[in-house]
């Protein structure tokens, strides 16, 4: 069963925004798309860039380092 760690309250993260958090030494990003919240690894696996610096468009995140489009699917 997955383990969950509370990192923020909903009012901390307006719709269309994402924020980086450090959870147990791991960088994660939480994003809000019209009230759907999803979390994903905060570091790009290609260029090791911080994904919180990318561009969020709906459920698509674009890495600012090299333009890769990422489709995070872990909502919670």
PDB file of N, CA and C in Angstrom:
ATOM      1  N   UNK A   1       0.843  -1.176   0.000  1.00  0.00           N
ATOM      2  CA  UNK A   1       0.000   0.000   0.000  1.00  0.00           C
ATOM      3  C   UNK A   1       0.890   1.242   0.000  1.00  0.00           C
ATOM      4  N   UNK A   2       0.594   2.228  -0.850  1.00  0.00           N
ATOM      5  CA  UNK A   2       1.419   3.440  -0.914  1.00  0.00           C
ATOM      6  C   UNK A   2       1.377   4.227   0.388  1.00  0.00           C
ATOM      7  N   UNK A   3       2.466   4.882   0.671  1.00  0.00           N
ATOM      8  CA  UNK A   3       2.548   5.750   1.846  1.00  0.00           C
ATOM      9  C   UNK A   3       2.364   7.188   1.385  1.00  0.00           C
ATOM     10  N   UNK A   4       1.526   7.935   2.089  1.00  0.00           N
ATOM     11  CA  UNK A   4       1.252   9.318   1.722  1.00  0.00           C
ATOM     12  C   UNK A   4       1.805  10.257   2.778  1.00  0.00           C
ATOM     13  N   UNK A   5       2.365  11.380   2.337  1.00  0.00           N
ATOM     14  CA  UNK A   5       2.880  12.418   3.216  1.00  0.00           C
ATOM     15  C   UNK A   5       2.213  13.729   2.834  1.00  0.00           C
ATOM     16  N   UNK A   6       1.566  14.363   3.797  1.00  0.00           N
ATOM     17  CA  UNK A   6       0.920  15.648   3.527  1.00  0.00           C
ATOM     18  C   UNK A   6       1.999  16.715   3.370  1.00  0.00           C
ATOM     19  N   UNK A   7       1.948  17.451   2.260  1.00  0.00           N
ATOM     20  CA  UNK A   7       2.950  18.482   2.005  1.00  0.00           C
ATOM     21  C   UNK A   7       2.357  19.883   1.977  1.00  0.00           C
ATOM     22  N   UNK A   8       1.036  19.987   1.798  1.00  0.00           N
ATOM     23  CA  UNK A   8       0.412  21.311   1.678  1.00  0.00           C
ATOM     24  C   UNK A   8      -1.090  21.177   1.880  1.00  0.00           C
ATOM     25  N   UNK A   9      -1.759  22.322   1.907  1.00  0.00           N
ATOM     26  CA  UNK A   9      -3.213  22.343   1.885  1.00  0.00           C
ATOM     27  C   UNK A   9      -3.641  22.884   0.523  1.00  0.00           C
ATOM     28  N   UNK A  10      -4.857  22.555   0.123  1.00  0.00           N
ATOM     29  CA  UNK A  10      -5.317  22.901  -1.227  1.00  0.00           C
ATOM     30  C   UNK A  10      -5.168  24.385  -1.543  1.00  0.00           C
ATOM     31  N   UNK A  11      -5.413  25.245  -0.568  1.00  0.00           N
ATOM     32  CA  UNK A  11      -5.337  26.687  -0.839  1.00  0.00           C
ATOM     33  C   UNK A  11      -3.913  27.156  -1.128  1.00  0.00           C
ATOM     34  N   UNK A  12      -2.905  26.329  -0.832  1.00  0.00           N
ATOM     35  CA  UNK A  12      -1.506  26.672  -1.136  1.00  0.00           C
ATOM     36  C   UNK A  12      -1.184  26.553  -2.622  1.00  0.00           C
ATOM     37  N   UNK A  13      -2.037  25.864  -3.362  1.00  0.00           N
ATOM     38  CA  UNK A  13      -1.718  25.544  -4.752  1.00  0.00           C
ATOM     39  C   UNK A  13      -2.909  25.853  -5.660  1.00  0.00           C
ATOM     40  N   UNK A  14      -2.949  27.067  -6.225  1.00  0.00           N
ATOM     41  CA  UNK A  14      -4.058  27.442  -7.105  1.00  0.00           C
ATOM     42  C   UNK A  14      -4.082  26.602  -8.385  1.00  0.00           C
ATOM     43  N   UNK A  15      -5.234  26.551  -9.023  1.00  0.00           N
ATOM     44  CA  UNK A  15      -5.389  25.810 -10.273  1.00  0.00           C
ATOM     45  C   UNK A  15      -4.417  26.323 -11.337  1.00  0.00           C
ATOM     46  N   UNK A  16      -3.820  25.392 -12.060  1.00  0.00           N
ATOM     47  CA  UNK A  16      -2.876  25.744 -13.117  1.00  0.00           C
ATOM     48  C   UNK A  16      -1.461  25.973 -12.627  1.00  0.00           C
ATOM     49  N   UNK A  17      -1.225  25.717 -11.349  1.00  0.00           N
ATOM     50  CA  UNK A  17       0.104  25.940 -10.765  1.00  0.00           C
ATOM     51  C   UNK A  17       0.689  24.634 -10.261  1.00  0.00           C
ATOM     52  N   UNK A  18       1.999  24.627 -10.081  1.00  0.00           N
ATOM     53  CA  UNK A  18       2.690  23.491  -9.490  1.00  0.00           C
ATOM     54  C   UNK A  18       3.753  24.017  -8.544  1.00  0.00           C
ATOM     55  N   UNK A  19       4.116  23.183  -7.592  1.00  0.00           N
ATOM     56  CA  UNK A  19       5.090  23.591  -6.582  1.00  0.00           C
ATOM     57  C   UNK A  19       5.967  22.394  -6.228  1.00  0.00           C
ATOM     58  N   UNK A  20       7.232  22.691  -5.967  1.00  0.00           N
ATOM     59  CA  UNK A  20       8.208  21.665  -5.614  1.00  0.00           C
ATOM     60  C   UNK A  20       8.247  21.492  -4.098  1.00  0.00           C
ATOM     61  N   UNK A  21       8.380  20.241  -3.662  1.00  0.00           N
ATOM     62  CA  UNK A  21       8.498  19.911  -2.243  1.00  0.00           C
ATOM     63  C   UNK A  21       9.610  18.888  -2.073  1.00  0.00           C
ATOM     64  N   UNK A  22      10.180  18.851  -0.880  1.00  0.00           N
ATOM     65  CA  UNK A  22      11.161  17.835  -0.534  1.00  0.00           C
ATOM     66  C   UNK A  22      10.500  16.898   0.464  1.00  0.00           C
ATOM     67  N   UNK A  23      10.392  15.634   0.111  1.00  0.00           N
ATOM     68  CA  UNK A  23       9.754  14.646   0.967  1.00  0.00           C
ATOM     69  C   UNK A  23      10.746  13.523   1.229  1.00  0.00           C
ATOM     70  N   UNK A  24      11.172  13.430   2.474  1.00  0.00           N
ATOM     71  CA  UNK A  24      12.128  12.385   2.865  1.00  0.00           C
ATOM     72  C   UNK A  24      13.355  12.362   1.963  1.00  0.00           C
ATOM     73  N   UNK A  25      13.866  13.532   1.623  1.00  0.00           N
ATOM     74  CA  UNK A  25      15.067  13.639   0.810  1.00  0.00           C
ATOM     75  C   UNK A  25      14.844  13.514  -0.689  1.00  0.00           C
ATOM     76  N   UNK A  26      13.607  13.387  -1.113  1.00  0.00           N
ATOM     77  CA  UNK A  26      13.288  13.249  -2.541  1.00  0.00           C
ATOM     78  C   UNK A  26      12.528  14.480  -3.009  1.00  0.00           C
ATOM     79  N   UNK A  27      12.900  15.007  -4.167  1.00  0.00           N
ATOM     80  CA  UNK A  27      12.216  16.160  -4.746  1.00  0.00           C
ATOM     81  C   UNK A  27      10.989  15.680  -5.502  1.00  0.00           C
ATOM     82  N   UNK A  28       9.827  16.235  -5.134  1.00  0.00           N
ATOM     83  CA  UNK A  28       8.597  15.935  -5.860  1.00  0.00           C
ATOM     84  C   UNK A  28       7.936  17.246  -6.264  1.00  0.00           C
ATOM     85  N   UNK A  29       7.077  17.166  -7.247  1.00  0.00           N
ATOM     86  CA  UNK A  29       6.282  18.315  -7.669  1.00  0.00           C
ATOM     87  C   UNK A  29       4.817  17.914  -7.540  1.00  0.00           C
ATOM     88  N   UNK A  30       4.024  18.821  -6.978  1.00  0.00           N
ATOM     89  CA  UNK A  30       2.578  18.632  -6.913  1.00  0.00           C
ATOM     90  C   UNK A  30       1.958  19.702  -7.795  1.00  0.00           C
ATOM     91  N   UNK A  31       1.018  19.300  -8.641  1.00  0.00           N
ATOM     92  CA  UNK A  31       0.365  20.226  -9.564  1.00  0.00           C
ATOM     93  C   UNK A  31      -1.147  20.170  -9.364  1.00  0.00           C
ATOM     94  N   UNK A  32      -1.795  21.302  -9.656  1.00  0.00           N
ATOM     95  CA  UNK A  32      -3.248  21.404  -9.582  1.00  0.00           C
ATOM     96  C   UNK A  32      -3.763  21.787 -10.963  1.00  0.00           C
ATOM     97  N   UNK A  33      -4.567  20.914 -11.545  1.00  0.00           N
ATOM     98  CA  UNK A  33      -5.203  21.200 -12.829  1.00  0.00           C
ATOM     99  C   UNK A  33      -6.710  21.157 -12.614  1.00  0.00           C
ATOM    100  N   UNK A  34      -7.301  22.323 -12.488  1.00  0.00           N
ATOM    101  CA  UNK A  34      -8.753  22.439 -12.282  1.00  0.00           C
ATOM    102  C   UNK A  34      -9.265  21.568 -11.145  1.00  0.00           C
ATOM    103  N   UNK A  35      -8.527  21.550 -10.041  1.00  0.00           N
ATOM    104  CA  UNK A  35      -8.959  20.790  -8.868  1.00  0.00           C
ATOM    105  C   UNK A  35      -8.508  19.350  -8.837  1.00  0.00           C
ATOM    106  N   UNK A  36      -7.867  18.869  -9.890  1.00  0.00           N
ATOM    107  CA  UNK A  36      -7.244  17.548  -9.887  1.00  0.00           C
ATOM    108  C   UNK A  36      -5.791  17.741  -9.494  1.00  0.00           C
ATOM    109  N   UNK A  37      -5.376  17.106  -8.406  1.00  0.00           N
ATOM    110  CA  UNK A  37      -4.012  17.235  -7.910  1.00  0.00           C
ATOM    111  C   UNK A  37      -3.238  15.992  -8.298  1.00  0.00           C
ATOM    112  N   UNK A  38      -2.006  16.180  -8.747  1.00  0.00           N
ATOM    113  CA  UNK A  38      -1.168  15.039  -9.049  1.00  0.00           C
ATOM    114  C   UNK A  38       0.255  15.335  -8.631  1.00  0.00           C
ATOM    115  N   UNK A  39       0.982  14.266  -8.306  1.00  0.00           N
ATOM    116  CA  UNK A  39       2.356  14.382  -7.828  1.00  0.00           C
ATOM    117  C   UNK A  39       3.258  13.528  -8.708  1.00  0.00           C
ATOM    118  N   UNK A  40       4.490  13.995  -8.871  1.00  0.00           N
ATOM    119  CA  UNK A  40       5.436  13.255  -9.701  1.00  0.00           C
ATOM    120  C   UNK A  40       6.850  13.618  -9.295  1.00  0.00           C
ATOM    121  N   UNK A  41       7.799  12.809  -9.734  1.00  0.00           N
ATOM    122  CA  UNK A  41       9.212  13.059  -9.453  1.00  0.00           C
ATOM    123  C   UNK A  41       9.565  14.458  -9.925  1.00  0.00           C
ATOM    124  N   UNK A  42      10.259  15.222  -9.111  1.00  0.00           N
ATOM    125  CA  UNK A  42      10.552  16.611  -9.427  1.00  0.00           C
ATOM    126  C   UNK A  42      11.774  16.842 -10.296  1.00  0.00           C
ATOM    127  N   UNK A  43      12.468  15.777 -10.658  1.00  0.00           N
ATOM    128  CA  UNK A  43      13.694  15.919 -11.445  1.00  0.00           C
ATOM    129  C   UNK A  43      13.536  15.197 -12.784  1.00  0.00           C
ATOM    130  N   UNK A  44      13.831  15.897 -13.868  1.00  0.00           N
ATOM    131  CA  UNK A  44      13.779  15.319 -15.211  1.00  0.00           C
ATOM    132  C   UNK A  44      14.827  14.204 -15.320  1.00  0.00           C
ATOM    133  N   UNK A  45      14.419  13.075 -15.859  1.00  0.00           N
ATOM    134  CA  UNK A  45      15.353  11.952 -15.985  1.00  0.00           C
ATOM    135  C   UNK A  45      16.337  12.127 -17.136  1.00  0.00           C
ATOM    136  N   UNK A  46      16.060  13.038 -18.062  1.00  0.00           N
ATOM    137  CA  UNK A  46      16.945  13.244 -19.210  1.00  0.00           C
ATOM    138  C   UNK A  46      18.085  14.203 -18.895  1.00  0.00           C
ATOM    139  N   UNK A  47      17.744  15.382 -18.390  1.00  0.00           N
ATOM    140  CA  UNK A  47      18.743  16.431 -18.164  1.00  0.00           C
ATOM    141  C   UNK A  47      18.952  16.753 -16.685  1.00  0.00           C
ATOM    142  N   UNK A  48      18.245  16.068 -15.815  1.00  0.00           N
ATOM    143  CA  UNK A  48      18.330  16.279 -14.364  1.00  0.00           C
ATOM    144  C   UNK A  48      17.977  17.710 -13.963  1.00  0.00           C
ATOM    145  N   UNK A  49      17.016  18.289 -14.660  1.00  0.00           N
ATOM    146  CA  UNK A  49      16.533  19.644 -14.359  1.00  0.00           C
ATOM    147  C   UNK A  49      15.367  19.562 -13.385  1.00  0.00           C
ATOM    148  N   UNK A  50      15.164  20.651 -12.644  1.00  0.00           N
ATOM    149  CA  UNK A  50      14.019  20.740 -11.737  1.00  0.00           C
ATOM    150  C   UNK A  50      12.752  20.957 -12.564  1.00  0.00           C
ATOM    151  N   UNK A  51      11.821  20.011 -12.509  1.00  0.00           N
ATOM    152  CA  UNK A  51      10.617  20.098 -13.328  1.00  0.00           C
ATOM    153  C   UNK A  51       9.665  21.196 -12.874  1.00  0.00           C
ATOM    154  N   UNK A  52       9.803  21.677 -11.654  1.00  0.00           N
ATOM    155  CA  UNK A  52       8.949  22.777 -11.196  1.00  0.00           C
ATOM    156  C   UNK A  52       9.203  24.037 -12.014  1.00  0.00           C
ATOM    157  N   UNK A  53      10.318  24.104 -12.711  1.00  0.00           N
ATOM    158  CA  UNK A  53      10.626  25.243 -13.574  1.00  0.00           C
ATOM    159  C   UNK A  53      10.044  25.104 -14.965  1.00  0.00           C
ATOM    160  N   UNK A  54       9.345  23.993 -15.203  1.00  0.00           N
ATOM    161  CA  UNK A  54       8.762  23.743 -16.519  1.00  0.00           C
ATOM    162  C   UNK A  54       7.445  24.464 -16.710  1.00  0.00           C
ATOM    163  N   UNK A  55       6.732  24.060 -17.739  1.00  0.00           N
ATOM    164  CA  UNK A  55       5.484  24.722 -18.120  1.00  0.00           C
ATOM    165  C   UNK A  55       4.338  23.723 -18.029  1.00  0.00           C
ATOM    166  N   UNK A  56       3.316  24.070 -17.260  1.00  0.00           N
ATOM    167  CA  UNK A  56       2.167  23.203 -17.063  1.00  0.00           C
ATOM    168  C   UNK A  56       1.018  23.674 -17.941  1.00  0.00           C
ATOM    169  N   UNK A  57       0.485  22.760 -18.748  1.00  0.00           N
ATOM    170  CA  UNK A  57      -0.666  23.060 -19.601  1.00  0.00           C
ATOM    171  C   UNK A  57      -1.644  21.899 -19.460  1.00  0.00           C
ATOM    172  N   UNK A  58      -2.667  22.082 -18.643  1.00  0.00           N
ATOM    173  CA  UNK A  58      -3.573  20.976 -18.346  1.00  0.00           C
ATOM    174  C   UNK A  58      -2.819  19.873 -17.646  1.00  0.00           C
ATOM    175  N   UNK A  59      -2.873  18.668 -18.206  1.00  0.00           N
ATOM    176  CA  UNK A  59      -2.167  17.531 -17.618  1.00  0.00           C
ATOM    177  C   UNK A  59      -0.844  17.251 -18.318  1.00  0.00           C
ATOM    178  N   UNK A  60      -0.319  18.237 -19.029  1.00  0.00           N
ATOM    179  CA  UNK A  60       0.955  18.084 -19.725  1.00  0.00           C
ATOM    180  C   UNK A  60       1.981  19.034 -19.136  1.00  0.00           C
ATOM    181  N   UNK A  61       3.129  18.493 -18.793  1.00  0.00           N
ATOM    182  CA  UNK A  61       4.238  19.287 -18.279  1.00  0.00           C
ATOM    183  C   UNK A  61       5.344  19.267 -19.324  1.00  0.00           C
ATOM    184  N   UNK A  62       5.881  20.434 -19.644  1.00  0.00           N
ATOM    185  CA  UNK A  62       6.983  20.527 -20.593  1.00  0.00           C
ATOM    186  C   UNK A  62       8.244  20.922 -19.841  1.00  0.00           C
ATOM    187  N   UNK A  63       9.291  20.118 -19.972  1.00  0.00           N
ATOM    188  CA  UNK A  63      10.569  20.397 -19.318  1.00  0.00           C
ATOM    189  C   UNK A  63      11.192  21.637 -19.948  1.00  0.00           C
ATOM    190  N   UNK A  64      11.618  22.566 -19.123  1.00  0.00           N
ATOM    191  CA  UNK A  64      12.213  23.799 -19.640  1.00  0.00           C
ATOM    192  C   UNK A  64      13.614  23.582 -20.189  1.00  0.00           C
ATOM    193  N   UNK A  65      14.274  22.498 -19.832  1.00  0.00           N
ATOM    194  CA  UNK A  65      15.643  22.266 -20.300  1.00  0.00           C
ATOM    195  C   UNK A  65      15.703  21.789 -21.751  1.00  0.00           C
ATOM    196  N   UNK A  66      14.810  20.874 -22.101  1.00  0.00           N
ATOM    197  CA  UNK A  66      14.922  20.299 -23.440  1.00  0.00           C
ATOM    198  C   UNK A  66      13.575  20.094 -24.130  1.00  0.00           C
ATOM    199  N   UNK A  67      12.502  20.587 -23.539  1.00  0.00           N
ATOM    200  CA  UNK A  67      11.210  20.580 -24.215  1.00  0.00           C
ATOM    201  C   UNK A  67      10.454  19.265 -24.220  1.00  0.00           C
ATOM    202  N   UNK A  68      10.952  18.264 -23.498  1.00  0.00           N
ATOM    203  CA  UNK A  68      10.223  16.994 -23.442  1.00  0.00           C
ATOM    204  C   UNK A  68       8.872  17.214 -22.783  1.00  0.00           C
ATOM    205  N   UNK A  69       7.854  16.563 -23.320  1.00  0.00           N
ATOM    206  CA  UNK A  69       6.513  16.658 -22.751  1.00  0.00           C
ATOM    207  C   UNK A  69       6.273  15.437 -21.880  1.00  0.00           C
ATOM    208  N   UNK A  70       5.841  15.701 -20.671  1.00  0.00           N
ATOM    209  CA  UNK A  70       5.645  14.660 -19.674  1.00  0.00           C
ATOM    210  C   UNK A  70       4.169  14.651 -19.313  1.00  0.00           C
ATOM    211  N   UNK A  71       3.613  13.470 -19.154  1.00  0.00           N
ATOM    212  CA  UNK A  71       2.193  13.338 -18.843  1.00  0.00           C
ATOM    213  C   UNK A  71       2.031  12.620 -17.508  1.00  0.00           C
ATOM    214  N   UNK A  72       2.232  13.329 -16.401  1.00  0.00           N
ATOM    215  CA  UNK A  72       2.097  12.681 -15.085  1.00  0.00           C
ATOM    216  C   UNK A  72       0.688  12.123 -14.923  1.00  0.00           C
ATOM    217  N   UNK A  73       0.580  10.939 -14.367  1.00  0.00           N
ATOM    218  CA  UNK A  73      -0.743  10.337 -14.235  1.00  0.00           C
ATOM    219  C   UNK A  73      -1.084   9.947 -12.809  1.00  0.00           C
ATOM    220  N   UNK A  74      -0.196  10.204 -11.863  1.00  0.00           N
ATOM    221  CA  UNK A  74      -0.459   9.838 -10.473  1.00  0.00           C
ATOM    222  C   UNK A  74      -1.226  10.964  -9.804  1.00  0.00           C
ATOM    223  N   UNK A  75      -2.506  10.778  -9.643  1.00  0.00           N
ATOM    224  CA  UNK A  75      -3.337  11.789  -8.999  1.00  0.00           C
ATOM    225  C   UNK A  75      -3.606  11.355  -7.568  1.00  0.00           C
ATOM    226  N   UNK A  76      -3.733  12.345  -6.673  1.00  0.00           N
ATOM    227  CA  UNK A  76      -4.056  11.999  -5.293  1.00  0.00           C
ATOM    228  C   UNK A  76      -4.008  13.190  -4.412  1.00  0.00           C
TER     229      UNK A  76
END
